[in-house]
């Protein structure tokens, strides 16, 4: 019962709190662990830089530029088809 209440609370509060920097970085680090070798090479080519930026830094890009580059706002959200309903993932 307590678990259900906590889960319900988190489901309601999640859209309000959003992912934040830590959440974006955490998901990026986890996603990177599951890349195939070919995908990892492709990402390495895309993210080549001399500033020490990594995969998790790329996950923050959309949040960093959405206010200064209004045309990029639509890049920040992804619509997913889940069980016949479109779910907006931010």
C-alpha atoms as a PDB file:
ATOM      1  CA  UNK A   1       0.000   0.000   0.000  1.00  0.00           C
ATOM      2  CA  UNK A   2       2.725   2.462   1.000  1.00  0.00           C
ATOM      3  CA  UNK A   3       4.680   1.565  -2.137  1.00  0.00           C
ATOM      4  CA  UNK A   4       1.622   2.294  -4.306  1.00  0.00           C
ATOM      5  CA  UNK A   5       1.152   5.680  -2.671  1.00  0.00           C
ATOM      6  CA  UNK A   6       4.830   6.535  -3.128  1.00  0.00           C
ATOM      7  CA  UNK A   7       4.768   5.413  -6.746  1.00  0.00           C
ATOM      8  CA  UNK A   8       1.655   7.502  -7.405  1.00  0.00           C
ATOM      9  CA  UNK A   9       3.281  10.529  -5.793  1.00  0.00           C
ATOM     10  CA  UNK A  10       6.401  10.127  -7.920  1.00  0.00           C
ATOM     11  CA  UNK A  11       4.324   9.775 -11.077  1.00  0.00           C
ATOM     12  CA  UNK A  12       2.592  13.063 -10.309  1.00  0.00           C
ATOM     13  CA  UNK A  13       5.699  14.963  -9.240  1.00  0.00           C
ATOM     14  CA  UNK A  14       7.921  13.748 -12.125  1.00  0.00           C
ATOM     15  CA  UNK A  15       6.505  16.085 -14.799  1.00  0.00           C
ATOM     16  CA  UNK A  16       6.930  18.999 -12.408  1.00  0.00           C
ATOM     17  CA  UNK A  17      10.520  18.284 -11.414  1.00  0.00           C
ATOM     18  CA  UNK A  18      11.670  17.090 -14.865  1.00  0.00           C
ATOM     19  CA  UNK A  19      14.909  15.208 -15.252  1.00  0.00           C
ATOM     20  CA  UNK A  20      17.418  17.912 -14.437  1.00  0.00           C
ATOM     21  CA  UNK A  21      21.127  17.686 -15.138  1.00  0.00           C
ATOM     22  CA  UNK A  22      21.740  14.666 -12.919  1.00  0.00           C
ATOM     23  CA  UNK A  23      18.867  12.710 -14.462  1.00  0.00           C
ATOM     24  CA  UNK A  24      19.985  13.449 -18.025  1.00  0.00           C
ATOM     25  CA  UNK A  25      23.587  12.469 -17.245  1.00  0.00           C
ATOM     26  CA  UNK A  26      22.529   9.281 -15.437  1.00  0.00           C
ATOM     27  CA  UNK A  27      20.384   8.106 -18.347  1.00  0.00           C
ATOM     28  CA  UNK A  28      23.178   8.975 -20.799  1.00  0.00           C
ATOM     29  CA  UNK A  29      25.744   6.942 -18.843  1.00  0.00           C
ATOM     30  CA  UNK A  30      23.355   3.982 -18.689  1.00  0.00           C
ATOM     31  CA  UNK A  31      22.493   4.245 -22.395  1.00  0.00           C
ATOM     32  CA  UNK A  32      26.166   4.413 -23.332  1.00  0.00           C
ATOM     33  CA  UNK A  33      26.776   1.086 -21.577  1.00  0.00           C
ATOM     34  CA  UNK A  34      24.301  -0.586 -23.969  1.00  0.00           C
ATOM     35  CA  UNK A  35      25.659   0.813 -27.239  1.00  0.00           C
ATOM     36  CA  UNK A  36      26.978  -1.700 -29.735  1.00  0.00           C
ATOM     37  CA  UNK A  37      30.628  -1.330 -30.726  1.00  0.00           C
ATOM     38  CA  UNK A  38      29.553   0.144 -34.070  1.00  0.00           C
ATOM     39  CA  UNK A  39      27.213   2.631 -32.381  1.00  0.00           C
ATOM     40  CA  UNK A  40      29.935   3.614 -29.902  1.00  0.00           C
ATOM     41  CA  UNK A  41      32.359   4.356 -32.772  1.00  0.00           C
ATOM     42  CA  UNK A  42      29.679   6.491 -34.460  1.00  0.00           C
ATOM     43  CA  UNK A  43      29.015   8.437 -31.244  1.00  0.00           C
ATOM     44  CA  UNK A  44      32.752   8.927 -30.727  1.00  0.00           C
ATOM     45  CA  UNK A  45      33.017  10.444 -34.199  1.00  0.00           C
ATOM     46  CA  UNK A  46      30.005  12.716 -33.622  1.00  0.00           C
ATOM     47  CA  UNK A  47      31.247  13.926 -30.245  1.00  0.00           C
ATOM     48  CA  UNK A  48      34.951  14.345 -31.046  1.00  0.00           C
ATOM     49  CA  UNK A  49      36.242  17.453 -29.279  1.00  0.00           C
ATOM     50  CA  UNK A  50      39.260  18.829 -27.490  1.00  0.00           C
ATOM     51  CA  UNK A  51      37.402  19.981 -24.374  1.00  0.00           C
ATOM     52  CA  UNK A  52      36.896  16.630 -22.686  1.00  0.00           C
ATOM     53  CA  UNK A  53      33.140  16.558 -23.301  1.00  0.00           C
ATOM     54  CA  UNK A  54      31.573  13.112 -23.204  1.00  0.00           C
ATOM     55  CA  UNK A  55      28.293  11.348 -23.943  1.00  0.00           C
ATOM     56  CA  UNK A  56      26.626  12.767 -20.834  1.00  0.00           C
ATOM     57  CA  UNK A  57      27.496  16.328 -21.850  1.00  0.00           C
ATOM     58  CA  UNK A  58      25.674  15.757 -25.136  1.00  0.00           C
ATOM     59  CA  UNK A  59      22.565  14.741 -23.183  1.00  0.00           C
ATOM     60  CA  UNK A  60      22.388  18.262 -21.739  1.00  0.00           C
ATOM     61  CA  UNK A  61      22.512  20.080 -25.076  1.00  0.00           C
ATOM     62  CA  UNK A  62      18.762  20.417 -25.620  1.00  0.00           C
ATOM     63  CA  UNK A  63      18.228  21.944 -22.162  1.00  0.00           C
ATOM     64  CA  UNK A  64      21.145  24.336 -22.579  1.00  0.00           C
ATOM     65  CA  UNK A  65      20.041  25.810 -25.905  1.00  0.00           C
ATOM     66  CA  UNK A  66      16.240  25.684 -25.809  1.00  0.00           C
ATOM     67  CA  UNK A  67      15.876  29.225 -24.447  1.00  0.00           C
ATOM     68  CA  UNK A  68      18.544  30.914 -26.568  1.00  0.00           C
ATOM     69  CA  UNK A  69      17.654  29.056 -29.786  1.00  0.00           C
ATOM     70  CA  UNK A  70      13.858  28.905 -29.907  1.00  0.00           C
ATOM     71  CA  UNK A  71      13.838  26.838 -33.096  1.00  0.00           C
ATOM     72  CA  UNK A  72      15.431  23.927 -31.171  1.00  0.00           C
ATOM     73  CA  UNK A  73      12.620  23.625 -28.624  1.00  0.00           C
ATOM     74  CA  UNK A  74      10.826  20.980 -30.688  1.00  0.00           C
ATOM     75  CA  UNK A  75      13.995  18.849 -30.638  1.00  0.00           C
ATOM     76  CA  UNK A  76      13.746  18.489 -26.871  1.00  0.00           C
ATOM     77  CA  UNK A  77      10.630  16.312 -26.729  1.00  0.00           C
ATOM     78  CA  UNK A  78      10.145  12.913 -28.289  1.00  0.00           C
ATOM     79  CA  UNK A  79       6.684  11.447 -28.909  1.00  0.00           C
ATOM     80  CA  UNK A  80       6.572   7.689 -28.370  1.00  0.00           C
ATOM     81  CA  UNK A  81       3.812   5.319 -29.360  1.00  0.00           C
ATOM     82  CA  UNK A  82       3.110   3.166 -26.304  1.00  0.00           C
ATOM     83  CA  UNK A  83       0.242   0.667 -26.196  1.00  0.00           C
ATOM     84  CA  UNK A  84      -1.639   2.615 -28.860  1.00  0.00           C
ATOM     85  CA  UNK A  85      -1.328   5.999 -27.136  1.00  0.00           C
ATOM     86  CA  UNK A  86       1.199   8.733 -27.885  1.00  0.00           C
ATOM     87  CA  UNK A  87       3.275   9.526 -24.805  1.00  0.00           C
ATOM     88  CA  UNK A  88       5.383  12.659 -24.696  1.00  0.00           C
ATOM     89  CA  UNK A  89       8.813  11.980 -23.253  1.00  0.00           C
ATOM     90  CA  UNK A  90      10.827  14.982 -22.117  1.00  0.00           C
END
